[in-house]
Amino acid sequence: MKQTLALAMGALLLNGCVSSIPRVPDLTQELLLNNQLTTKTIVIGAIVLYYAKDGFVWEVEDRNIGEDLYRLTVKQGKLKTTGQGEARLYFNRRAEEIASSQQCKSFTTLEYNESLISDYFNVPQRVTEGVIRCERTAAKR
């Protein structure tokens, strides 16, 4: 009880030491380079936006390519350098979601490929593609 009271008193005393909230500096002058937007800053900003848009997240796409056939594409974020083994997890998770939403008992992976592709800035991106079949009846194993 004495410790709690001492902590509360100390907090009240320290609260009186803070007289104002620190002011955040205005960076508009620094960011606009003296109110002039140059071509160089626009290009750099576009590149940063291109990579930051989906740079750290996994992107999973799927499309129906036939009766109970689905092509899945899993792309690693352009700025993400770790987690190379996670592609198979994302692939299987999305396949399970598709099977569940289609009221299938299970799915079968017919095709599975992992590769690296590069964009025009020569930044590699891990891409996993595969085809699954939605099994309406329980698969015999």
Protein backbone atom coordinates (compact mmCIF):
# COMPACT_ATOMS: atom_id res chain seq x y z
CA MET A 1 0.00 0.00 0.00
CA LYS A 2 2.84 2.38 0.86
CA GLN A 3 4.54 1.63 -2.48
CA THR A 4 1.35 2.38 -4.42
CA LEU A 5 0.89 5.65 -2.54
CA ALA A 6 4.52 6.61 -3.17
CA LEU A 7 4.18 5.86 -6.89
CA ALA A 8 0.98 7.90 -7.13
CA MET A 9 2.58 10.87 -5.33
CA GLY A 10 5.64 10.66 -7.60
CA ALA A 11 3.44 10.61 -10.70
CA LEU A 12 1.54 13.68 -9.48
CA LEU A 13 4.78 15.54 -8.80
CA LEU A 14 6.21 14.66 -12.23
CA ASN A 15 2.96 15.70 -13.87
CA GLY A 16 3.59 19.25 -12.71
CA CYS A 17 6.99 19.28 -14.46
CA VAL A 18 5.43 19.03 -17.91
CA SER A 19 4.34 22.55 -18.74
CA SER A 20 3.44 22.19 -22.41
CA ILE A 21 3.14 19.64 -25.18
CA PRO A 22 6.20 19.61 -27.47
CA ARG A 23 5.57 21.27 -30.82
CA VAL A 24 5.98 19.19 -33.99
CA PRO A 25 8.13 21.07 -36.51
CA ASP A 26 6.57 22.16 -39.79
CA LEU A 27 8.39 20.23 -42.54
CA THR A 28 6.58 21.74 -45.52
CA GLN A 29 9.47 24.05 -46.37
CA GLU A 30 12.01 21.23 -46.24
CA LEU A 31 9.86 18.82 -48.24
CA LEU A 32 9.01 21.29 -50.99
CA LEU A 33 12.59 22.60 -51.30
CA ASN A 34 11.75 26.26 -50.79
CA ASN A 35 8.24 25.93 -52.24
CA GLN A 36 9.51 24.48 -55.54
CA LEU A 37 8.48 21.00 -56.57
CA THR A 38 11.21 19.71 -58.86
CA THR A 39 11.08 16.89 -61.38
CA LYS A 40 13.62 15.01 -59.31
CA THR A 41 11.41 15.06 -56.19
CA ILE A 42 8.38 13.98 -58.21
CA VAL A 43 10.26 11.01 -59.68
CA ILE A 44 11.68 10.00 -56.30
CA GLY A 45 8.23 10.32 -54.74
CA ALA A 46 6.71 8.16 -57.48
CA ILE A 47 9.33 5.44 -56.95
CA VAL A 48 8.81 5.49 -53.19
CA LEU A 49 5.03 5.30 -53.65
CA TYR A 50 5.39 2.42 -56.14
CA TYR A 51 7.35 0.32 -53.67
CA ALA A 52 5.60 1.41 -50.48
CA LYS A 53 2.16 0.65 -51.91
CA ASP A 54 2.58 -3.08 -51.42
CA GLY A 55 6.19 -3.38 -50.43
CA PHE A 56 5.81 -5.29 -47.19
CA VAL A 57 2.67 -7.37 -47.69
CA TRP A 58 1.93 -10.67 -49.39
CA GLU A 59 -0.52 -10.47 -52.29
CA VAL A 60 -2.69 -13.48 -53.06
CA GLU A 61 -4.72 -13.64 -56.28
CA ASP A 62 -6.99 -16.40 -57.47
CA ARG A 63 -9.17 -16.97 -60.51
CA ASN A 64 -11.44 -19.72 -61.74
CA ILE A 65 -9.95 -21.37 -64.84
CA GLY A 66 -12.42 -24.21 -65.27
CA GLU A 67 -14.97 -26.31 -63.49
CA ASP A 68 -13.62 -26.65 -59.95
CA LEU A 69 -10.13 -25.51 -61.11
CA TYR A 70 -8.48 -22.41 -59.65
CA ARG A 71 -5.14 -20.74 -60.36
CA LEU A 72 -3.54 -19.14 -57.32
CA THR A 73 -0.73 -16.60 -57.44
CA VAL A 74 1.10 -15.54 -54.28
CA LYS A 75 3.50 -12.58 -54.55
CA GLN A 76 5.89 -11.51 -51.83
CA GLY A 77 6.13 -7.79 -51.11
CA LYS A 78 8.83 -6.01 -53.12
CA LEU A 79 10.55 -4.66 -50.01
CA LYS A 80 10.20 -7.81 -47.91
CA THR A 81 13.43 -9.78 -47.69
CA THR A 82 12.48 -12.41 -45.11
CA GLY A 83 9.81 -15.07 -44.91
CA GLN A 84 10.63 -17.03 -48.05
CA GLY A 85 8.99 -20.14 -46.61
CA GLU A 86 5.67 -18.39 -46.03
CA ALA A 87 4.51 -18.59 -49.66
CA ARG A 88 3.36 -22.20 -49.31
CA LEU A 89 1.40 -21.27 -46.16
CA TYR A 90 -0.42 -18.43 -47.95
CA PHE A 91 -1.07 -20.71 -50.94
CA ASN A 92 -2.58 -23.46 -48.76
CA ARG A 93 -4.59 -21.01 -46.66
CA ARG A 94 -6.20 -19.48 -49.76
CA ALA A 95 -6.83 -22.94 -51.26
CA GLU A 96 -8.62 -23.97 -48.06
CA GLU A 97 -10.72 -20.78 -48.17
CA ILE A 98 -11.74 -21.49 -51.76
CA ALA A 99 -12.62 -25.11 -50.96
CA SER A 100 -14.68 -23.99 -47.97
CA SER A 101 -16.53 -21.27 -49.87
CA GLN A 102 -17.37 -23.73 -52.70
CA GLN A 103 -18.64 -26.34 -50.20
CA CYS A 104 -15.90 -28.79 -51.22
CA LYS A 105 -14.65 -31.57 -48.99
CA SER A 106 -10.98 -30.88 -49.84
CA PHE A 107 -8.67 -29.66 -52.58
CA THR A 108 -5.90 -31.24 -54.64
CA THR A 109 -2.83 -29.31 -55.74
CA LEU A 110 -2.28 -30.10 -59.41
CA GLU A 111 0.57 -27.68 -60.08
CA TYR A 112 2.92 -25.68 -57.84
CA ASN A 113 5.85 -23.45 -58.91
CA GLU A 114 8.05 -20.96 -57.08
CA SER A 115 10.16 -18.40 -58.93
CA LEU A 116 11.73 -14.95 -58.76
CA ILE A 117 10.74 -12.20 -61.14
CA SER A 118 12.24 -8.72 -61.50
CA ASP A 119 10.54 -5.48 -62.42
CA TYR A 120 12.05 -2.68 -64.50
CA PHE A 121 14.02 -1.42 -61.48
CA ASN A 122 15.58 -4.92 -61.24
CA VAL A 123 14.09 -5.58 -57.79
CA PRO A 124 13.43 -9.32 -57.34
CA GLN A 125 10.05 -10.51 -56.14
CA ARG A 126 9.21 -14.06 -55.05
CA VAL A 127 6.17 -15.43 -56.91
CA THR A 128 4.40 -18.73 -56.24
CA GLU A 129 1.81 -20.04 -58.68
CA GLY A 130 -0.27 -23.16 -58.68
CA VAL A 131 -3.47 -24.82 -59.77
CA ILE A 132 -5.86 -26.53 -57.38
CA ARG A 133 -8.90 -28.69 -57.97
CA CYS A 134 -11.84 -28.43 -55.60
CA GLU A 135 -12.87 -31.96 -54.61
CA ARG A 136 -16.64 -32.28 -54.12
CA THR A 137 -16.35 -35.77 -52.62
CA ALA A 138 -13.87 -36.95 -50.01
CA ALA A 139 -10.55 -37.80 -51.64
CA LYS A 140 -9.30 -41.37 -51.27
CA ARG A 141 -5.84 -41.45 -49.75
